[in-house]
C-alpha atoms as a PDB file:
ATOM      1  CA  UNK A   1     -22.631   7.995  62.279  1.00  0.00           C
ATOM      2  CA  UNK A   2     -20.093   6.739  64.776  1.00  0.00           C
ATOM      3  CA  UNK A   3     -20.782   3.100  63.975  1.00  0.00           C
ATOM      4  CA  UNK A   4     -20.705   3.550  60.207  1.00  0.00           C
ATOM      5  CA  UNK A   5     -18.279   0.999  58.680  1.00  0.00           C
ATOM      6  CA  UNK A   6     -15.186   2.283  56.913  1.00  0.00           C
ATOM      7  CA  UNK A   7     -13.816   0.664  53.763  1.00  0.00           C
ATOM      8  CA  UNK A   8     -10.215   1.026  52.591  1.00  0.00           C
ATOM      9  CA  UNK A   9     -10.248   0.334  48.840  1.00  0.00           C
ATOM     10  CA  UNK A  10      -6.972  -0.039  46.941  1.00  0.00           C
ATOM     11  CA  UNK A  11      -8.636  -1.618  43.905  1.00  0.00           C
ATOM     12  CA  UNK A  12      -9.964   0.429  40.991  1.00  0.00           C
ATOM     13  CA  UNK A  13     -13.637   0.837  41.858  1.00  0.00           C
ATOM     14  CA  UNK A  14     -16.264   2.556  39.730  1.00  0.00           C
ATOM     15  CA  UNK A  15     -19.870   2.714  38.624  1.00  0.00           C
ATOM     16  CA  UNK A  16     -22.800   1.181  40.426  1.00  0.00           C
ATOM     17  CA  UNK A  17     -20.542  -0.782  42.746  1.00  0.00           C
ATOM     18  CA  UNK A  18     -18.826   2.320  44.055  1.00  0.00           C
ATOM     19  CA  UNK A  19     -22.204   3.934  44.671  1.00  0.00           C
ATOM     20  CA  UNK A  20     -23.402   0.838  46.545  1.00  0.00           C
ATOM     21  CA  UNK A  21     -20.292   0.742  48.711  1.00  0.00           C
ATOM     22  CA  UNK A  22     -20.578   4.441  49.549  1.00  0.00           C
ATOM     23  CA  UNK A  23     -24.180   3.853  50.571  1.00  0.00           C
ATOM     24  CA  UNK A  24     -23.200   1.274  53.199  1.00  0.00           C
ATOM     25  CA  UNK A  25     -19.782   2.498  54.336  1.00  0.00           C
ATOM     26  CA  UNK A  26     -17.419   5.428  54.459  1.00  0.00           C
ATOM     27  CA  UNK A  27     -15.004   4.834  51.600  1.00  0.00           C
ATOM     28  CA  UNK A  28     -11.325   5.724  51.348  1.00  0.00           C
ATOM     29  CA  UNK A  29     -10.495   5.029  47.699  1.00  0.00           C
ATOM     30  CA  UNK A  30      -6.804   4.928  46.754  1.00  0.00           C
ATOM     31  CA  UNK A  31      -6.448   2.574  43.760  1.00  0.00           C
ATOM     32  CA  UNK A  32      -3.043   1.042  43.127  1.00  0.00           C
ATOM     33  CA  UNK A  33      -3.436   1.541  39.374  1.00  0.00           C
ATOM     34  CA  UNK A  34      -3.363   5.344  39.749  1.00  0.00           C
ATOM     35  CA  UNK A  35       0.134   5.317  41.262  1.00  0.00           C
ATOM     36  CA  UNK A  36       3.221   5.986  39.131  1.00  0.00           C
ATOM     37  CA  UNK A  37       5.606   4.387  39.808  1.00  0.00           C
ATOM     38  CA  UNK A  38       3.627   1.259  40.606  1.00  0.00           C
ATOM     39  CA  UNK A  39       2.597   0.895  44.233  1.00  0.00           C
ATOM     40  CA  UNK A  40       1.729  -2.504  45.680  1.00  0.00           C
ATOM     41  CA  UNK A  41       1.295  -2.966  49.424  1.00  0.00           C
ATOM     42  CA  UNK A  42       2.163  -6.026  51.480  1.00  0.00           C
ATOM     43  CA  UNK A  43       0.547  -7.275  54.663  1.00  0.00           C
ATOM     44  CA  UNK A  44       2.493  -5.004  57.013  1.00  0.00           C
ATOM     45  CA  UNK A  45       1.856  -1.889  54.909  1.00  0.00           C
ATOM     46  CA  UNK A  46      -1.826  -2.706  54.595  1.00  0.00           C
ATOM     47  CA  UNK A  47      -2.053  -3.345  58.327  1.00  0.00           C
ATOM     48  CA  UNK A  48      -0.539   0.051  59.085  1.00  0.00           C
ATOM     49  CA  UNK A  49      -3.014   1.777  56.791  1.00  0.00           C
ATOM     50  CA  UNK A  50      -6.017  -0.178  58.070  1.00  0.00           C
ATOM     51  CA  UNK A  51      -5.103   0.749  61.644  1.00  0.00           C
ATOM     52  CA  UNK A  52      -4.514   4.393  60.714  1.00  0.00           C
ATOM     53  CA  UNK A  53      -7.936   4.620  59.049  1.00  0.00           C
ATOM     54  CA  UNK A  54      -9.653   2.331  61.571  1.00  0.00           C
ATOM     55  CA  UNK A  55     -11.108   0.490  58.594  1.00  0.00           C
ATOM     56  CA  UNK A  56     -13.493  -2.438  58.996  1.00  0.00           C
ATOM     57  CA  UNK A  57     -13.464  -3.460  55.328  1.00  0.00           C
ATOM     58  CA  UNK A  58     -10.537  -3.993  52.956  1.00  0.00           C
ATOM     59  CA  UNK A  59     -10.943  -4.221  49.171  1.00  0.00           C
ATOM     60  CA  UNK A  60      -7.886  -4.987  47.034  1.00  0.00           C
ATOM     61  CA  UNK A  61      -7.020  -6.152  43.559  1.00  0.00           C
ATOM     62  CA  UNK A  62      -3.254  -6.653  43.525  1.00  0.00           C
ATOM     63  CA  UNK A  63      -2.022  -5.873  47.047  1.00  0.00           C
ATOM     64  CA  UNK A  64      -0.971  -8.835  49.198  1.00  0.00           C
ATOM     65  CA  UNK A  65      -3.334  -9.549  52.083  1.00  0.00           C
ATOM     66  CA  UNK A  66      -1.511 -11.670  54.610  1.00  0.00           C
ATOM     67  CA  UNK A  67       0.266 -11.543  57.952  1.00  0.00           C
ATOM     68  CA  UNK A  68      -0.549  -8.674  60.320  1.00  0.00           C
ATOM     69  CA  UNK A  69      -3.413  -7.238  58.258  1.00  0.00           C
ATOM     70  CA  UNK A  70      -5.400 -10.339  59.185  1.00  0.00           C
ATOM     71  CA  UNK A  71      -5.029  -9.359  62.844  1.00  0.00           C
ATOM     72  CA  UNK A  72      -6.699  -5.951  62.409  1.00  0.00           C
ATOM     73  CA  UNK A  73     -10.278  -7.037  63.168  1.00  0.00           C
ATOM     74  CA  UNK A  74     -11.536  -6.713  59.603  1.00  0.00           C
ATOM     75  CA  UNK A  75     -15.170  -7.647  59.037  1.00  0.00           C
ATOM     76  CA  UNK A  76     -14.685  -8.594  55.396  1.00  0.00           C
ATOM     77  CA  UNK A  77     -12.010  -8.707  52.685  1.00  0.00           C
ATOM     78  CA  UNK A  78     -12.823  -8.229  49.027  1.00  0.00           C
ATOM     79  CA  UNK A  79     -10.409  -9.386  46.317  1.00  0.00           C
ATOM     80  CA  UNK A  80     -11.395  -8.006  42.924  1.00  0.00           C
ATOM     81  CA  UNK A  81     -10.184 -11.078  41.083  1.00  0.00           C
ATOM     82  CA  UNK A  82     -11.722 -14.295  39.907  1.00  0.00           C
ATOM     83  CA  UNK A  83      -9.085 -16.222  41.856  1.00  0.00           C
ATOM     84  CA  UNK A  84      -8.202 -14.347  45.071  1.00  0.00           C
ATOM     85  CA  UNK A  85      -4.618 -15.650  45.034  1.00  0.00           C
ATOM     86  CA  UNK A  86      -3.341 -12.372  46.501  1.00  0.00           C
ATOM     87  CA  UNK A  87      -5.109 -13.174  49.776  1.00  0.00           C
ATOM     88  CA  UNK A  88      -4.030 -15.668  52.414  1.00  0.00           C
ATOM     89  CA  UNK A  89      -7.427 -17.351  52.429  1.00  0.00           C
ATOM     90  CA  UNK A  90      -6.430 -19.936  55.045  1.00  0.00           C
ATOM     91  CA  UNK A  91      -5.216 -17.163  57.339  1.00  0.00           C
ATOM     92  CA  UNK A  92      -8.374 -15.147  56.782  1.00  0.00           C
ATOM     93  CA  UNK A  93     -10.492 -18.208  57.515  1.00  0.00           C
ATOM     94  CA  UNK A  94      -8.600 -18.858  60.744  1.00  0.00           C
ATOM     95  CA  UNK A  95      -9.289 -15.233  61.700  1.00  0.00           C
ATOM     96  CA  UNK A  96     -12.986 -15.630  60.835  1.00  0.00           C
ATOM     97  CA  UNK A  97     -12.885 -13.112  57.988  1.00  0.00           C
ATOM     98  CA  UNK A  98     -14.943 -13.816  54.860  1.00  0.00           C
ATOM     99  CA  UNK A  99     -13.022 -13.370  51.601  1.00  0.00           C
ATOM    100  CA  UNK A 100     -15.074 -12.200  48.639  1.00  0.00           C
ATOM    101  CA  UNK A 101     -14.053 -12.519  44.996  1.00  0.00           C
ATOM    102  CA  UNK A 102     -15.309 -11.529  41.540  1.00  0.00           C
ATOM    103  CA  UNK A 103     -15.635 -14.537  39.227  1.00  0.00           C
ATOM    104  CA  UNK A 104     -16.153 -13.744  35.551  1.00  0.00           C
ATOM    105  CA  UNK A 105     -15.388 -10.054  35.994  1.00  0.00           C
ATOM    106  CA  UNK A 106     -13.242  -9.887  32.852  1.00  0.00           C
ATOM    107  CA  UNK A 107     -14.810 -12.644  30.748  1.00  0.00           C
ATOM    108  CA  UNK A 108     -16.160 -10.375  28.025  1.00  0.00           C
ATOM    109  CA  UNK A 109     -13.002  -8.273  27.923  1.00  0.00           C
ATOM    110  CA  UNK A 110     -10.692 -11.266  27.533  1.00  0.00           C
ATOM    111  CA  UNK A 111     -13.014 -12.882  24.980  1.00  0.00           C
ATOM    112  CA  UNK A 112     -12.924  -9.686  22.918  1.00  0.00           C
ATOM    113  CA  UNK A 113      -9.118  -9.674  23.120  1.00  0.00           C
ATOM    114  CA  UNK A 114      -9.094 -13.267  21.937  1.00  0.00           C
ATOM    115  CA  UNK A 115     -10.999 -12.345  18.793  1.00  0.00           C
ATOM    116  CA  UNK A 116      -8.804  -9.286  18.294  1.00  0.00           C
ATOM    117  CA  UNK A 117      -5.734 -11.520  18.303  1.00  0.00           C
ATOM    118  CA  UNK A 118      -7.415 -14.041  16.010  1.00  0.00           C
ATOM    119  CA  UNK A 119      -8.136 -11.393  13.388  1.00  0.00           C
ATOM    120  CA  UNK A 120      -4.764  -9.671  13.849  1.00  0.00           C
ATOM    121  CA  UNK A 121      -2.861 -12.917  13.296  1.00  0.00           C
ATOM    122  CA  UNK A 122      -5.030 -14.300  10.504  1.00  0.00           C
ATOM    123  CA  UNK A 123      -5.159 -11.051   8.501  1.00  0.00           C
ATOM    124  CA  UNK A 124      -1.559  -9.891   9.161  1.00  0.00           C
ATOM    125  CA  UNK A 125      -2.805  -6.649  10.730  1.00  0.00           C
ATOM    126  CA  UNK A 126       0.429  -5.812  12.573  1.00  0.00           C
ATOM    127  CA  UNK A 127       2.944  -6.268   9.713  1.00  0.00           C
ATOM    128  CA  UNK A 128       0.542  -4.607   7.263  1.00  0.00           C
ATOM    129  CA  UNK A 129       0.266  -1.611   9.584  1.00  0.00           C
ATOM    130  CA  UNK A 130       4.068  -1.501   9.822  1.00  0.00           C
ATOM    131  CA  UNK A 131       4.335  -1.530   6.024  1.00  0.00           C
ATOM    132  CA  UNK A 132       2.113   1.534   5.711  1.00  0.00           C
ATOM    133  CA  UNK A 133       4.008   3.408   8.421  1.00  0.00           C
ATOM    134  CA  UNK A 134       7.373   2.555   6.850  1.00  0.00           C
ATOM    135  CA  UNK A 135       6.367   3.323   3.265  1.00  0.00           C
ATOM    136  CA  UNK A 136       6.715  -0.345   2.288  1.00  0.00           C
ATOM    137  CA  UNK A 137       3.276  -0.837   0.733  1.00  0.00           C
ATOM    138  CA  UNK A 138       4.841  -2.127  -2.476  1.00  0.00           C
ATOM    139  CA  UNK A 139       7.755  -3.941  -0.833  1.00  0.00           C
ATOM    140  CA  UNK A 140       9.666  -6.739  -2.544  1.00  0.00           C
ATOM    141  CA  UNK A 141       8.100  -5.900  -5.884  1.00  0.00           C
ATOM    142  CA  UNK A 142       4.711  -7.228  -4.743  1.00  0.00           C
ATOM    143  CA  UNK A 143       1.464  -5.475  -3.889  1.00  0.00           C
ATOM    144  CA  UNK A 144      -0.135  -6.038  -0.445  1.00  0.00           C
ATOM    145  CA  UNK A 145      -2.777  -8.325  -1.949  1.00  0.00           C
ATOM    146  CA  UNK A 146       0.018 -10.690  -2.978  1.00  0.00           C
ATOM    147  CA  UNK A 147       1.782 -10.637   0.385  1.00  0.00           C
ATOM    148  CA  UNK A 148      -1.156 -10.791   2.737  1.00  0.00           C
ATOM    149  CA  UNK A 149      -3.764 -13.154   1.362  1.00  0.00           C
ATOM    150  CA  UNK A 150      -5.438 -15.278   4.043  1.00  0.00           C
ATOM    151  CA  UNK A 151      -8.317 -17.621   4.686  1.00  0.00           C
ATOM    152  CA  UNK A 152     -11.385 -16.044   6.270  1.00  0.00           C
ATOM    153  CA  UNK A 153     -12.174 -17.170   9.799  1.00  0.00           C
ATOM    154  CA  UNK A 154     -15.813 -17.622   8.801  1.00  0.00           C
ATOM    155  CA  UNK A 155     -16.340 -21.252   7.890  1.00  0.00           C
ATOM    156  CA  UNK A 156     -13.217 -22.435   9.721  1.00  0.00           C
ATOM    157  CA  UNK A 157     -13.101 -24.549  12.899  1.00  0.00           C
ATOM    158  CA  UNK A 158     -11.982 -23.234  16.286  1.00  0.00           C
ATOM    159  CA  UNK A 159     -11.316 -25.417  19.303  1.00  0.00           C
ATOM    160  CA  UNK A 160     -11.771 -23.841  22.736  1.00  0.00           C
ATOM    161  CA  UNK A 161      -9.761 -25.354  25.592  1.00  0.00           C
ATOM    162  CA  UNK A 162     -11.604 -24.633  28.831  1.00  0.00           C
ATOM    163  CA  UNK A 163     -15.273 -23.672  29.039  1.00  0.00           C
ATOM    164  CA  UNK A 164     -15.170 -21.395  32.050  1.00  0.00           C
ATOM    165  CA  UNK A 165     -16.530 -17.860  31.981  1.00  0.00           C
ATOM    166  CA  UNK A 166     -14.021 -16.658  29.379  1.00  0.00           C
ATOM    167  CA  UNK A 167     -14.285 -19.787  27.238  1.00  0.00           C
ATOM    168  CA  UNK A 168     -18.059 -19.471  27.125  1.00  0.00           C
ATOM    169  CA  UNK A 169     -17.838 -15.772  26.282  1.00  0.00           C
ATOM    170  CA  UNK A 170     -15.410 -16.572  23.463  1.00  0.00           C
ATOM    171  CA  UNK A 171     -17.586 -19.427  22.186  1.00  0.00           C
ATOM    172  CA  UNK A 172     -20.583 -17.321  21.177  1.00  0.00           C
ATOM    173  CA  UNK A 173     -18.327 -14.680  19.674  1.00  0.00           C
ATOM    174  CA  UNK A 174     -16.602 -17.233  17.474  1.00  0.00           C
ATOM    175  CA  UNK A 175     -20.018 -18.591  16.505  1.00  0.00           C
ATOM    176  CA  UNK A 176     -21.103 -15.044  15.706  1.00  0.00           C
ATOM    177  CA  UNK A 177     -18.404 -14.631  13.058  1.00  0.00           C
ATOM    178  CA  UNK A 178     -19.440 -17.868  11.405  1.00  0.00           C
ATOM    179  CA  UNK A 179     -16.930 -20.325  12.837  1.00  0.00           C
ATOM    180  CA  UNK A 180     -17.614 -23.948  13.727  1.00  0.00           C
ATOM    181  CA  UNK A 181     -16.873 -24.142  17.455  1.00  0.00           C
ATOM    182  CA  UNK A 182     -15.564 -27.207  19.284  1.00  0.00           C
ATOM    183  CA  UNK A 183     -14.659 -27.359  22.963  1.00  0.00           C
ATOM    184  CA  UNK A 184     -12.620 -29.502  25.327  1.00  0.00           C
ATOM    185  CA  UNK A 185     -13.223 -29.298  29.075  1.00  0.00           C
ATOM    186  CA  UNK A 186     -13.411 -32.497  31.141  1.00  0.00           C
ATOM    187  CA  UNK A 187     -15.355 -30.650  33.849  1.00  0.00           C
ATOM    188  CA  UNK A 188     -18.043 -29.111  31.651  1.00  0.00           C
ATOM    189  CA  UNK A 189     -20.719 -31.350  30.103  1.00  0.00           C
ATOM    190  CA  UNK A 190     -21.264 -28.747  27.349  1.00  0.00           C
ATOM    191  CA  UNK A 191     -17.866 -29.605  25.843  1.00  0.00           C
ATOM    192  CA  UNK A 192     -18.032 -31.292  22.452  1.00  0.00           C
ATOM    193  CA  UNK A 193     -14.916 -33.430  22.929  1.00  0.00           C
ATOM    194  CA  UNK A 194     -13.675 -35.675  25.725  1.00  0.00           C
ATOM    195  CA  UNK A 195     -10.164 -35.781  24.287  1.00  0.00           C
ATOM    196  CA  UNK A 196      -7.911 -32.766  23.731  1.00  0.00           C
ATOM    197  CA  UNK A 197      -5.815 -34.558  21.121  1.00  0.00           C
ATOM    198  CA  UNK A 198      -8.942 -35.640  19.284  1.00  0.00           C
ATOM    199  CA  UNK A 199     -10.227 -32.089  19.102  1.00  0.00           C
ATOM    200  CA  UNK A 200      -6.931 -30.556  18.019  1.00  0.00           C
ATOM    201  CA  UNK A 201      -6.846 -32.590  14.823  1.00  0.00           C
ATOM    202  CA  UNK A 202      -9.998 -30.805  13.624  1.00  0.00           C
ATOM    203  CA  UNK A 203      -8.883 -27.251  14.443  1.00  0.00           C
ATOM    204  CA  UNK A 204      -7.832 -24.353  12.253  1.00  0.00           C
ATOM    205  CA  UNK A 205      -7.671 -22.207  15.406  1.00  0.00           C
ATOM    206  CA  UNK A 206      -7.074 -23.293  19.000  1.00  0.00           C
ATOM    207  CA  UNK A 207      -8.008 -20.839  21.742  1.00  0.00           C
ATOM    208  CA  UNK A 208      -6.718 -21.498  25.257  1.00  0.00           C
ATOM    209  CA  UNK A 209      -8.968 -20.603  28.212  1.00  0.00           C
ATOM    210  CA  UNK A 210      -8.123 -23.183  30.874  1.00  0.00           C
ATOM    211  CA  UNK A 211      -7.094 -22.363  34.422  1.00  0.00           C
ATOM    212  CA  UNK A 212      -3.589 -23.260  35.568  1.00  0.00           C
ATOM    213  CA  UNK A 213      -3.524 -26.385  37.726  1.00  0.00           C
ATOM    214  CA  UNK A 214      -1.000 -29.219  38.058  1.00  0.00           C
ATOM    215  CA  UNK A 215      -3.170 -31.071  35.534  1.00  0.00           C
ATOM    216  CA  UNK A 216      -3.195 -28.293  32.917  1.00  0.00           C
ATOM    217  CA  UNK A 217       0.341 -26.906  33.244  1.00  0.00           C
ATOM    218  CA  UNK A 218       2.132 -27.467  29.936  1.00  0.00           C
ATOM    219  CA  UNK A 219      -0.902 -29.203  28.438  1.00  0.00           C
ATOM    220  CA  UNK A 220      -0.060 -27.802  24.999  1.00  0.00           C
ATOM    221  CA  UNK A 221       3.298 -29.343  24.102  1.00  0.00           C
ATOM    222  CA  UNK A 222       5.079 -30.536  20.978  1.00  0.00           C
ATOM    223  CA  UNK A 223       2.720 -33.482  20.470  1.00  0.00           C
ATOM    224  CA  UNK A 224      -0.364 -31.279  20.785  1.00  0.00           C
ATOM    225  CA  UNK A 225       0.904 -28.592  18.394  1.00  0.00           C
ATOM    226  CA  UNK A 226       1.782 -31.325  15.906  1.00  0.00           C
ATOM    227  CA  UNK A 227      -1.811 -32.566  16.007  1.00  0.00           C
ATOM    228  CA  UNK A 228      -3.197 -29.198  14.927  1.00  0.00           C
ATOM    229  CA  UNK A 229      -3.902 -28.749  11.230  1.00  0.00           C
ATOM    230  CA  UNK A 230      -1.049 -27.399   9.081  1.00  0.00           C
ATOM    231  CA  UNK A 231      -1.275 -23.610   9.021  1.00  0.00           C
ATOM    232  CA  UNK A 232      -3.448 -23.476  12.156  1.00  0.00           C
ATOM    233  CA  UNK A 233      -3.379 -20.549  14.594  1.00  0.00           C
ATOM    234  CA  UNK A 234      -2.805 -20.863  18.336  1.00  0.00           C
ATOM    235  CA  UNK A 235      -4.246 -18.248  20.737  1.00  0.00           C
ATOM    236  CA  UNK A 236      -3.607 -17.912  24.465  1.00  0.00           C
ATOM    237  CA  UNK A 237      -5.238 -15.094  26.436  1.00  0.00           C
ATOM    238  CA  UNK A 238      -5.146 -17.135  29.657  1.00  0.00           C
ATOM    239  CA  UNK A 239      -1.741 -18.033  31.129  1.00  0.00           C
ATOM    240  CA  UNK A 240       1.646 -18.868  29.619  1.00  0.00           C
ATOM    241  CA  UNK A 241       2.049 -21.886  31.906  1.00  0.00           C
ATOM    242  CA  UNK A 242      -0.578 -23.718  29.852  1.00  0.00           C
ATOM    243  CA  UNK A 243       1.793 -24.227  26.930  1.00  0.00           C
ATOM    244  CA  UNK A 244       5.411 -25.229  26.306  1.00  0.00           C
ATOM    245  CA  UNK A 245       6.857 -22.039  24.825  1.00  0.00           C
ATOM    246  CA  UNK A 246       9.806 -23.803  23.192  1.00  0.00           C
ATOM    247  CA  UNK A 247       7.490 -26.315  21.531  1.00  0.00           C
ATOM    248  CA  UNK A 248       5.238 -23.522  20.297  1.00  0.00           C
ATOM    249  CA  UNK A 249       8.227 -21.603  18.929  1.00  0.00           C
ATOM    250  CA  UNK A 250       9.460 -24.711  17.103  1.00  0.00           C
ATOM    251  CA  UNK A 251       6.010 -25.373  15.611  1.00  0.00           C
ATOM    252  CA  UNK A 252       5.880 -21.819  14.288  1.00  0.00           C
ATOM    253  CA  UNK A 253       9.479 -21.795  13.041  1.00  0.00           C
ATOM    254  CA  UNK A 254       8.942 -25.046  11.145  1.00  0.00           C
ATOM    255  CA  UNK A 255       5.923 -23.592   9.361  1.00  0.00           C
ATOM    256  CA  UNK A 256       3.564 -26.234  10.747  1.00  0.00           C
ATOM    257  CA  UNK A 257       1.591 -23.564  12.606  1.00  0.00           C
ATOM    258  CA  UNK A 258       0.496 -20.545  10.622  1.00  0.00           C
ATOM    259  CA  UNK A 259       0.579 -18.068  13.479  1.00  0.00           C
ATOM    260  CA  UNK A 260      -0.001 -17.338  17.146  1.00  0.00           C
ATOM    261  CA  UNK A 261      -1.500 -14.630  19.347  1.00  0.00           C
ATOM    262  CA  UNK A 262      -0.288 -14.488  22.942  1.00  0.00           C
ATOM    263  CA  UNK A 263      -1.377 -12.171  25.765  1.00  0.00           C
ATOM    264  CA  UNK A 264       0.648 -13.667  28.606  1.00  0.00           C
ATOM    265  CA  UNK A 265       4.230 -14.648  29.329  1.00  0.00           C
ATOM    266  CA  UNK A 266       6.036 -16.157  32.301  1.00  0.00           C
ATOM    267  CA  UNK A 267       7.104 -13.272  34.522  1.00  0.00           C
ATOM    268  CA  UNK A 268       4.864 -10.981  32.415  1.00  0.00           C
ATOM    269  CA  UNK A 269       7.683 -10.352  29.915  1.00  0.00           C
ATOM    270  CA  UNK A 270       9.208 -11.948  26.841  1.00  0.00           C
ATOM    271  CA  UNK A 271      12.909 -11.257  26.175  1.00  0.00           C
ATOM    272  CA  UNK A 272      13.258  -8.929  23.187  1.00  0.00           C
ATOM    273  CA  UNK A 273      15.675 -11.354  21.552  1.00  0.00           C
ATOM    274  CA  UNK A 274      13.240 -14.271  21.768  1.00  0.00           C
ATOM    275  CA  UNK A 275      12.569 -15.817  18.325  1.00  0.00           C
ATOM    276  CA  UNK A 276       8.850 -15.054  18.590  1.00  0.00           C
ATOM    277  CA  UNK A 277       9.601 -11.328  18.570  1.00  0.00           C
ATOM    278  CA  UNK A 278      10.999 -11.604  15.037  1.00  0.00           C
ATOM    279  CA  UNK A 279       8.061 -13.605  13.611  1.00  0.00           C
ATOM    280  CA  UNK A 280       5.670 -11.530  11.501  1.00  0.00           C
ATOM    281  CA  UNK A 281       2.910 -14.123  11.942  1.00  0.00           C
ATOM    282  CA  UNK A 282       2.905 -13.751  15.740  1.00  0.00           C
ATOM    283  CA  UNK A 283       1.069 -11.020  17.685  1.00  0.00           C
ATOM    284  CA  UNK A 284       2.248 -10.385  21.239  1.00  0.00           C
ATOM    285  CA  UNK A 285       0.392  -8.279  23.818  1.00  0.00           C
ATOM    286  CA  UNK A 286       1.429  -7.658  27.468  1.00  0.00           C
ATOM    287  CA  UNK A 287      -1.404  -9.279  29.447  1.00  0.00           C
ATOM    288  CA  UNK A 288      -4.014  -6.611  28.663  1.00  0.00           C
ATOM    289  CA  UNK A 289      -6.986  -8.849  27.874  1.00  0.00           C
ATOM    290  CA  UNK A 290      -8.868  -7.791  31.002  1.00  0.00           C
ATOM    291  CA  UNK A 291      -7.729  -4.167  30.954  1.00  0.00           C
ATOM    292  CA  UNK A 292     -11.087  -2.468  30.437  1.00  0.00           C
ATOM    293  CA  UNK A 293     -13.079  -0.041  32.538  1.00  0.00           C
ATOM    294  CA  UNK A 294     -15.946  -2.503  32.234  1.00  0.00           C
ATOM    295  CA  UNK A 295     -13.899  -5.126  34.084  1.00  0.00           C
ATOM    296  CA  UNK A 296     -13.500  -2.645  36.933  1.00  0.00           C
ATOM    297  CA  UNK A 297     -17.214  -1.816  36.938  1.00  0.00           C
ATOM    298  CA  UNK A 298     -18.048  -5.528  36.962  1.00  0.00           C
ATOM    299  CA  UNK A 299     -15.820  -6.418  39.909  1.00  0.00           C
ATOM    300  CA  UNK A 300     -16.959  -3.316  41.771  1.00  0.00           C
ATOM    301  CA  UNK A 301     -20.584  -4.401  41.589  1.00  0.00           C
ATOM    302  CA  UNK A 302     -19.881  -8.030  42.515  1.00  0.00           C
ATOM    303  CA  UNK A 303     -17.775  -7.093  45.536  1.00  0.00           C
ATOM    304  CA  UNK A 304     -19.931  -4.170  46.740  1.00  0.00           C
ATOM    305  CA  UNK A 305     -23.163  -6.150  46.519  1.00  0.00           C
ATOM    306  CA  UNK A 306     -21.632  -8.902  48.648  1.00  0.00           C
ATOM    307  CA  UNK A 307     -20.192  -6.442  51.163  1.00  0.00           C
ATOM    308  CA  UNK A 308     -23.682  -4.983  51.556  1.00  0.00           C
ATOM    309  CA  UNK A 309     -25.028  -8.489  52.160  1.00  0.00           C
ATOM    310  CA  UNK A 310     -22.421  -9.195  54.827  1.00  0.00           C
ATOM    311  CA  UNK A 311     -23.175  -5.905  56.601  1.00  0.00           C
ATOM    312  CA  UNK A 312     -26.883  -6.807  56.585  1.00  0.00           C
ATOM    313  CA  UNK A 313     -26.082 -10.133  58.185  1.00  0.00           C
ATOM    314  CA  UNK A 314     -26.758 -12.103  55.005  1.00  0.00           C
ATOM    315  CA  UNK A 315     -24.616 -14.686  53.222  1.00  0.00           C
ATOM    316  CA  UNK A 316     -22.564 -13.271  50.338  1.00  0.00           C
ATOM    317  CA  UNK A 317     -22.939 -14.864  46.906  1.00  0.00           C
ATOM    318  CA  UNK A 318     -19.245 -14.999  45.946  1.00  0.00           C
ATOM    319  CA  UNK A 319     -17.253 -16.056  48.995  1.00  0.00           C
ATOM    320  CA  UNK A 320     -14.302 -18.463  48.877  1.00  0.00           C
ATOM    321  CA  UNK A 321     -14.497 -19.414  52.566  1.00  0.00           C
ATOM    322  CA  UNK A 322     -18.207 -19.615  53.439  1.00  0.00           C
ATOM    323  CA  UNK A 323     -17.357 -21.853  56.390  1.00  0.00           C
ATOM    324  CA  UNK A 324     -16.601 -18.724  58.428  1.00  0.00           C
ATOM    325  CA  UNK A 325     -20.351 -18.076  58.604  1.00  0.00           C
ATOM    326  CA  UNK A 326     -21.011 -21.395  60.340  1.00  0.00           C
ATOM    327  CA  UNK A 327     -19.076 -20.499  63.449  1.00  0.00           C
END
């Protein structure tokens, strides 16, 4: 039909959400993640493509939506992220364009990664694997049982910092393996503790799930690591800005902390000569907590369902600038 909307989708989109979007619009699907080398578009590049396709709808995950693309007469913008920080929301609002987002899309994926890191650190999975591959099973005159004994996580205490979607998803998983779960979040009444320092003193494991704000940046520093129990494990599958990396490194080097599992670093990389890279009690992964096909299916459904609502003249459920509908 001549008046059928057209959607330009540069996000990975799959499953029920893709079917829904195809039912309400003509879809041009060109996900950034399929491009090697990496392709990320800025506002001018997106604007050129939107005009070429005569698209009414733009759905992105990592491309930058700002500048001239906001002048293309778009009916709706979808950002397949919990926090649509790749979109100039103020500019979109001024242009009267609703901006959709996908809160909680990767909560289960990141929570699973958190437990994977917890087990990998606690049970020395990475160095033990390296021993087998290198033929060092009986290294240093000791058998693996001597080198890699550990406390079980069952029966230990974990403190969750931040009870958002990921923190809640991690909470029941930790409970499921038999851990005593505490939580600190001044904005969630379900939290067990009103003081971070008070909670840390009880923790064998601390799992970071806060969002980065001026209030939370660097919230885990030398004083906080010192409050954790001797031999405790620190996990961060959220953002590196939430902790002081030097303080964490010192706490590990001194032996006060027993290990750490980190899935994020400033600038997405850690220098190969950083002291953490040489520590056998530290597991480092390159920000892959949310990297599941399920995450893509989840954000596809959230965004597509709301696009369908907008096209029907209804209010979307997950919109960061609902004031555009009051005009």
